[in-house]
Amino acid sequence: MTTFTDEPLARIIEVLRGRLGTLEAGERLTFRALDPDLGVGLFAGEFTEINGVRYRHRPLRSWLDLAERLGCRLHTPESNPESGRVLINLSFSKLGEGSWHSGPAGGKTASDPAASETYGQASEFARVQKLEEPTFWLDYTEALERTNLEPNSRVLSLGVGRGDELEPFERVFRDYNLNFTGVDHSASALAAARERFPGANCRFLEADMRDLQGLELGRFDLILSVATFQSPGVAGHTLIRELVQHFLTAGGSLIVALPNCRYQDGEVRFGARMKNFAQPDLSLVVKDLAFYRKYLYQHRFKVFLTGKYYLFLTAVR
């Protein structure tokens, strides 16, 4: 088993890449390294000496980041008693290439009415629970807290799906008696949303986001759009103008979340990777965010940009 002591990161990456190249998805590569708990307070790469041996400290976060960038899963580290508990055993395994675009989930078959929906209840996408990702929950609720909603406000959620993004309102705006309108093209997801939020203050419409004005929805105090501005066929630059000019009240707020991640084999990975690119490319999402920010500033919004796996643009007046 390989043991890393004071090697620089470049050498570690070289060794791990070489060995991972011989493994199949799911196979584990195990190696030894200094227990991160023995270097608390040190930065990654700082030297420390234990029992006459020089080591480079690396926090567990560094190993987790390295596993993610190498397309691997980091398994729970194990203590190494033979080293006097100075070292730990770390194991990486290559992620499978599965995608939610490959077919229905949960044992559903193509005969299921929802199976043909890319983002329906029978899709692999339905397995993703964004609200259980700490960064999403914290960034999203922080964005909600920045808005100036008052009791009885109207909220529009574009691409509402099964209604995940409505759940945090019960904690952030308790007893506000808000009125929700959700729009989505997936019939099965909307059916789940109606079952989940059966109250008279919630209505869910099956419609195309490219024809919102035909729905005669009126104006809203908050408009949400999570991972829909970059959907196929949706022109984000046109949509944001339409929302501000025709659907937002004079004092309304807007939250747009753009995905900066991809889901693979049960893991969320940083960065949306374009086809034929080995690593994530941020140029398109940065270009879009720059346009949205400039446009909203021109219309006298205060604009905040936060997030990690999802980039939240929050505009308030």
Protein backbone atom coordinates (compact mmCIF):
# COMPACT_ATOMS: atom_id res chain seq x y z
CA MET A 1 0.00 0.00 0.00
CA THR A 2 1.36 3.43 -0.95
CA THR A 3 2.17 5.81 1.92
CA PHE A 4 2.34 9.57 1.39
CA THR A 5 4.46 11.52 3.88
CA ASP A 6 6.04 14.77 2.65
CA GLU A 7 5.37 14.44 -1.09
CA PRO A 8 4.03 17.57 -2.84
CA LEU A 9 0.48 17.49 -4.19
CA ALA A 10 1.73 17.33 -7.78
CA ARG A 11 3.42 13.99 -7.07
CA ILE A 12 0.35 12.63 -5.27
CA ILE A 13 -1.88 13.50 -8.23
CA GLU A 14 0.58 11.88 -10.62
CA VAL A 15 0.63 8.63 -8.62
CA LEU A 16 -3.13 8.45 -8.07
CA ARG A 17 -3.99 9.23 -11.69
CA GLY A 18 -1.67 6.49 -12.87
CA ARG A 19 -3.19 3.89 -10.58
CA LEU A 20 -6.79 4.97 -11.10
CA GLY A 21 -6.32 4.55 -14.84
CA THR A 22 -6.10 0.78 -14.34
CA LEU A 23 -9.28 0.49 -12.26
CA GLU A 24 -12.90 -0.07 -13.22
CA ALA A 25 -15.78 1.98 -11.81
CA GLY A 26 -16.39 1.00 -8.19
CA GLU A 27 -12.95 -0.53 -7.61
CA ARG A 28 -11.09 0.98 -4.67
CA LEU A 29 -7.62 2.47 -4.55
CA THR A 30 -6.38 2.59 -0.94
CA PHE A 31 -3.35 4.50 0.33
CA ARG A 32 -1.99 5.89 3.61
CA ALA A 33 -1.55 9.52 4.65
CA LEU A 34 -1.17 11.57 7.82
CA ASP A 35 -4.28 11.72 10.00
CA PRO A 36 -5.71 15.23 9.40
CA ASP A 37 -6.67 15.48 13.09
CA LEU A 38 -2.96 15.59 13.98
CA GLY A 39 -2.51 18.83 12.05
CA VAL A 40 -5.49 20.89 13.15
CA GLY A 41 -4.72 24.57 12.54
CA LEU A 42 -2.17 23.88 9.80
CA PHE A 43 -2.82 24.81 6.20
CA ALA A 44 -2.71 22.24 3.41
CA GLY A 45 0.91 21.43 2.59
CA GLU A 46 2.43 22.75 5.81
CA PHE A 47 5.10 20.51 7.28
CA THR A 48 4.88 18.84 10.67
CA GLU A 49 7.15 16.29 12.33
CA ILE A 50 5.85 13.30 14.28
CA ASN A 51 8.10 10.64 15.80
CA GLY A 52 11.01 11.92 13.73
CA VAL A 53 9.16 11.66 10.41
CA ARG A 54 8.32 14.76 8.37
CA TYR A 55 4.81 14.93 6.93
CA ARG A 56 2.78 17.40 4.91
CA HIS A 57 -0.54 18.12 6.56
CA ARG A 58 -3.64 17.84 4.38
CA PRO A 59 -7.12 18.48 5.84
CA LEU A 60 -9.84 16.00 5.00
CA ARG A 61 -11.42 18.66 2.76
CA SER A 62 -8.31 18.53 0.53
CA TRP A 63 -8.68 14.79 0.03
CA LEU A 64 -12.40 15.21 -0.66
CA ASP A 65 -11.71 17.91 -3.26
CA LEU A 66 -9.03 15.77 -4.88
CA ALA A 67 -11.36 12.78 -5.09
CA GLU A 68 -14.04 14.93 -6.73
CA ARG A 69 -11.65 16.39 -9.31
CA LEU A 70 -10.35 12.93 -10.18
CA GLY A 71 -13.89 11.65 -10.73
CA CYS A 72 -13.87 9.52 -7.60
CA ARG A 73 -15.78 8.87 -4.41
CA LEU A 74 -13.93 9.28 -1.11
CA HIS A 75 -14.88 6.48 1.26
CA THR A 76 -14.93 6.85 5.04
CA PRO A 77 -11.29 7.03 6.23
CA GLU A 78 -10.08 4.24 8.50
CA SER A 79 -7.54 4.43 11.30
CA ASN A 80 -4.21 2.64 10.75
CA PRO A 81 -3.24 1.02 14.09
CA GLU A 82 0.06 -0.28 12.68
CA SER A 83 1.35 3.31 12.43
CA GLY A 84 0.48 4.13 16.03
CA ARG A 85 -2.61 5.93 14.72
CA VAL A 86 -0.45 8.52 12.98
CA LEU A 87 -1.69 7.50 9.54
CA ILE A 88 -5.13 6.80 8.13
CA ASN A 89 -6.20 4.62 5.23
CA LEU A 90 -7.92 6.60 2.47
CA SER A 91 -9.82 4.92 -0.35
CA PHE A 92 -10.89 6.40 -3.68
CA SER A 93 -13.20 4.59 -6.11
CA LYS A 94 -14.02 5.75 -9.64
CA LEU A 95 -17.55 7.01 -10.18
CA GLY A 96 -19.80 5.29 -12.66
CA GLU A 97 -20.85 7.23 -15.73
CA GLY A 98 -24.59 6.95 -15.05
CA SER A 99 -26.77 9.95 -15.94
CA TRP A 100 -30.42 10.75 -15.30
CA HIS A 101 -30.76 11.15 -19.07
CA SER A 102 -30.14 7.44 -19.57
CA GLY A 103 -33.60 6.21 -18.66
CA PRO A 104 -36.38 5.94 -16.06
CA ALA A 105 -35.58 5.50 -12.40
CA GLY A 106 -36.84 3.45 -9.52
CA GLY A 107 -37.68 0.38 -11.57
CA LYS A 108 -40.10 2.33 -13.78
CA THR A 109 -40.46 1.12 -17.35
CA ALA A 110 -40.98 2.99 -20.59
CA SER A 111 -44.68 2.06 -20.42
CA ASP A 112 -45.07 4.33 -17.40
CA PRO A 113 -46.65 7.63 -18.60
CA ALA A 114 -44.01 9.61 -16.71
CA ALA A 115 -41.08 7.64 -18.11
CA SER A 116 -40.87 9.77 -21.25
CA GLU A 117 -40.43 12.98 -19.21
CA THR A 118 -36.76 13.90 -18.83
CA TYR A 119 -37.46 15.60 -15.49
CA GLY A 120 -40.63 13.73 -14.50
CA GLN A 121 -41.28 11.60 -11.44
CA ALA A 122 -40.00 8.47 -13.19
CA SER A 123 -36.73 10.08 -14.27
CA GLU A 124 -33.31 9.77 -12.66
CA PHE A 125 -33.53 13.50 -11.97
CA ALA A 126 -36.36 12.84 -9.50
CA ARG A 127 -33.88 11.07 -7.22
CA VAL A 128 -31.99 14.32 -6.61
CA GLN A 129 -32.90 15.97 -3.30
CA LYS A 130 -31.39 19.45 -3.58
CA LEU A 131 -32.73 20.54 -0.19
CA GLU A 132 -30.60 17.85 1.48
CA GLU A 133 -27.41 19.39 0.07
CA PRO A 134 -26.10 21.78 2.79
CA THR A 135 -24.79 24.38 0.35
CA PHE A 136 -28.09 24.54 -1.54
CA TRP A 137 -30.24 24.82 1.58
CA LEU A 138 -28.07 27.51 3.19
CA ASP A 139 -27.61 29.55 0.01
CA TYR A 140 -31.28 29.31 -0.95
CA THR A 141 -32.69 30.23 2.47
CA GLU A 142 -30.20 33.12 2.67
CA ALA A 143 -31.50 34.37 -0.68
CA LEU A 144 -35.09 34.11 0.54
CA GLU A 145 -34.26 36.07 3.68
CA ARG A 146 -32.93 38.92 1.51
CA THR A 147 -36.28 39.41 -0.18
CA ASN A 148 -38.82 41.89 1.16
CA LEU A 149 -41.86 39.64 1.20
CA GLU A 150 -44.82 40.69 3.28
CA PRO A 151 -47.84 38.64 4.41
CA ASN A 152 -50.17 37.63 1.56
CA SER A 153 -47.48 38.20 -1.08
CA ARG A 154 -47.67 36.41 -4.42
CA VAL A 155 -44.85 34.04 -5.41
CA LEU A 156 -44.21 32.60 -8.89
CA SER A 157 -41.99 29.52 -9.24
CA LEU A 158 -40.81 28.71 -12.76
CA GLY A 159 -39.90 25.09 -13.34
CA VAL A 160 -41.53 24.25 -10.02
CA GLY A 161 -41.32 20.48 -10.55
CA ARG A 162 -42.63 18.64 -7.50
CA GLY A 163 -42.37 21.81 -5.41
CA ASP A 164 -39.08 21.32 -3.58
CA GLU A 165 -38.27 25.04 -3.63
CA LEU A 166 -41.55 25.87 -1.87
CA GLU A 167 -40.76 23.84 1.25
CA PRO A 168 -38.30 26.34 2.84
CA PHE A 169 -40.96 29.05 2.81
CA GLU A 170 -42.64 27.25 5.71
CA ARG A 171 -39.56 27.95 7.84
CA VAL A 172 -38.42 31.33 6.51
CA PHE A 173 -41.88 32.92 6.17
CA ARG A 174 -43.94 31.08 8.77
CA ASP A 175 -47.54 32.32 9.02
CA TYR A 176 -47.13 34.73 6.09
CA ASN A 177 -50.07 33.17 4.21
CA LEU A 178 -48.25 33.43 0.89
CA ASN A 179 -49.91 32.62 -2.43
CA PHE A 180 -47.94 30.35 -4.76
CA THR A 181 -48.19 29.77 -8.49
CA GLY A 182 -45.97 27.09 -9.99
CA VAL A 183 -45.37 26.53 -13.71
CA ASP A 184 -43.79 23.41 -15.22
CA HIS A 185 -44.07 21.24 -18.34
CA SER A 186 -43.94 17.89 -16.47
CA ALA A 187 -47.40 16.52 -15.71
CA SER A 188 -46.11 13.87 -13.30
CA ALA A 189 -44.00 16.36 -11.32
CA LEU A 190 -46.95 18.75 -11.06
CA ALA A 191 -49.17 15.93 -9.82
CA ALA A 192 -46.65 15.31 -7.04
CA ALA A 193 -46.58 19.03 -6.22
CA ARG A 194 -50.38 19.22 -5.97
CA GLU A 195 -50.40 16.25 -3.60
CA ARG A 196 -47.61 17.78 -1.55
CA PHE A 197 -49.15 21.27 -1.36
CA PRO A 198 -52.94 20.82 -1.54
CA GLY A 199 -53.84 24.17 0.03
CA ALA A 200 -56.02 26.74 -1.69
CA ASN A 201 -53.07 29.15 -1.69
CA CYS A 202 -51.16 26.94 -4.15
CA ARG A 203 -51.89 26.38 -7.83
CA PHE A 204 -49.78 24.49 -10.33
CA LEU A 205 -50.01 24.99 -14.09
CA GLU A 206 -48.74 22.74 -16.85
CA ALA A 207 -47.36 25.15 -19.43
CA ASP A 208 -44.36 26.17 -21.49
CA MET A 209 -42.21 28.89 -19.90
CA ARG A 210 -41.72 30.39 -23.34
CA ASP A 211 -45.40 31.43 -23.40
CA LEU A 212 -45.95 32.90 -19.94
CA GLN A 213 -47.85 35.96 -21.12
CA GLY A 214 -50.54 33.73 -22.58
CA LEU A 215 -51.33 32.44 -19.08
CA GLU A 216 -52.45 35.87 -17.79
CA LEU A 217 -50.80 35.28 -14.42
CA GLY A 218 -50.67 38.87 -13.21
CA ARG A 219 -47.76 40.30 -11.21
CA PHE A 220 -45.81 38.77 -8.35
CA ASP A 221 -43.83 39.98 -5.34
CA LEU A 222 -41.22 37.25 -5.77
CA ILE A 223 -40.26 35.20 -8.82
CA LEU A 224 -38.14 32.04 -8.43
CA SER A 225 -36.30 30.20 -11.15
CA VAL A 226 -34.06 27.33 -10.09
CA ALA A 227 -32.13 25.63 -12.91
CA THR A 228 -34.60 26.66 -15.61
CA PHE A 229 -32.96 29.67 -17.29
CA GLN A 230 -30.55 27.32 -19.06
CA SER A 231 -33.16 24.78 -20.11
CA PRO A 232 -33.22 23.78 -23.80
CA GLY A 233 -35.20 26.29 -25.84
CA VAL A 234 -35.30 28.92 -23.08
CA ALA A 235 -33.64 32.24 -23.95
CA GLY A 236 -32.53 33.49 -20.54
CA HIS A 237 -31.71 37.02 -21.69
CA THR A 238 -35.20 37.41 -23.13
CA LEU A 239 -36.88 35.73 -20.17
CA ILE A 240 -35.37 38.00 -17.52
CA ARG A 241 -36.55 41.08 -19.42
CA GLU A 242 -40.02 39.61 -19.71
CA LEU A 243 -40.20 38.80 -16.00
CA VAL A 244 -39.12 42.27 -14.89
CA GLN A 245 -41.33 44.13 -17.36
CA HIS A 246 -44.50 42.03 -17.24
CA PHE A 247 -44.61 39.85 -14.11
CA LEU A 248 -42.78 41.55 -11.23
CA THR A 249 -44.41 44.15 -8.99
CA ALA A 250 -42.70 47.53 -8.55
CA GLY A 251 -41.14 46.41 -5.26
CA GLY A 252 -40.75 42.76 -6.17
CA SER A 253 -37.72 40.48 -5.84
CA LEU A 254 -36.18 37.92 -8.15
CA ILE A 255 -34.13 34.79 -7.39
CA VAL A 256 -32.45 33.00 -10.28
CA ALA A 257 -30.33 29.93 -9.54
CA LEU A 258 -28.04 28.59 -12.25
CA PRO A 259 -26.60 25.08 -11.86
CA ASN A 260 -22.85 24.95 -11.40
CA CYS A 261 -22.72 21.21 -10.86
CA ARG A 262 -23.51 17.83 -12.32
CA TYR A 263 -24.87 14.68 -10.71
CA GLN A 264 -23.02 11.42 -11.22
CA ASP A 265 -23.40 8.03 -9.54
CA GLY A 266 -25.01 9.48 -6.42
CA GLU A 267 -22.52 12.34 -6.07
CA VAL A 268 -22.82 16.05 -6.78
CA ARG A 269 -19.73 17.38 -8.58
CA PHE A 270 -18.67 21.00 -8.88
CA GLY A 271 -19.01 22.64 -12.27
CA ALA A 272 -21.24 21.98 -15.26
CA ARG A 273 -19.13 20.17 -17.84
CA MET A 274 -19.74 20.93 -21.49
CA LYS A 275 -19.72 18.16 -24.07
CA ASN A 276 -16.20 17.08 -25.10
CA PHE A 277 -14.64 19.02 -22.19
CA ALA A 278 -12.58 17.09 -19.63
CA GLN A 279 -13.17 19.65 -16.88
CA PRO A 280 -15.96 22.13 -16.05
CA ASP A 281 -16.05 25.35 -18.04
CA LEU A 282 -17.55 28.42 -16.38
CA SER A 283 -17.44 30.80 -19.34
CA LEU A 284 -21.11 30.48 -20.35
CA VAL A 285 -22.58 30.74 -16.85
CA VAL A 286 -20.32 33.70 -16.01
CA LYS A 287 -21.36 35.45 -19.24
CA ASP A 288 -25.06 34.92 -18.44
CA LEU A 289 -24.70 36.11 -14.85
CA ALA A 290 -22.87 39.23 -16.00
CA PHE A 291 -25.73 40.06 -18.38
CA TYR A 292 -28.44 39.46 -15.74
CA ARG A 293 -26.56 41.51 -13.14
CA LYS A 294 -26.04 44.44 -15.50
CA TYR A 295 -29.66 44.42 -16.66
CA LEU A 296 -31.00 44.31 -13.10
CA TYR A 297 -28.68 47.10 -11.96
CA GLN A 298 -30.03 49.23 -14.80
CA HIS A 299 -33.51 48.70 -13.36
CA ARG A 300 -32.41 49.82 -9.89
CA PHE A 301 -32.16 46.43 -8.22
CA LYS A 302 -29.62 45.55 -5.56
CA VAL A 303 -28.01 42.35 -6.81
CA PHE A 304 -26.31 39.63 -4.74
CA LEU A 305 -24.44 36.66 -6.16
CA THR A 306 -23.82 33.67 -3.88
CA GLY A 307 -23.59 29.91 -4.01
CA LYS A 308 -21.40 26.97 -4.92
CA TYR A 309 -23.08 24.06 -6.68
CA TYR A 310 -25.93 26.43 -7.61
CA LEU A 311 -25.14 30.10 -8.23
CA PHE A 312 -27.88 32.27 -6.74
CA LEU A 313 -28.55 35.68 -8.22
CA THR A 314 -30.85 37.57 -5.85
CA ALA A 315 -32.27 40.92 -6.96
CA VAL A 316 -34.18 43.12 -4.50
CA ARG A 317 -35.47 46.68 -4.49
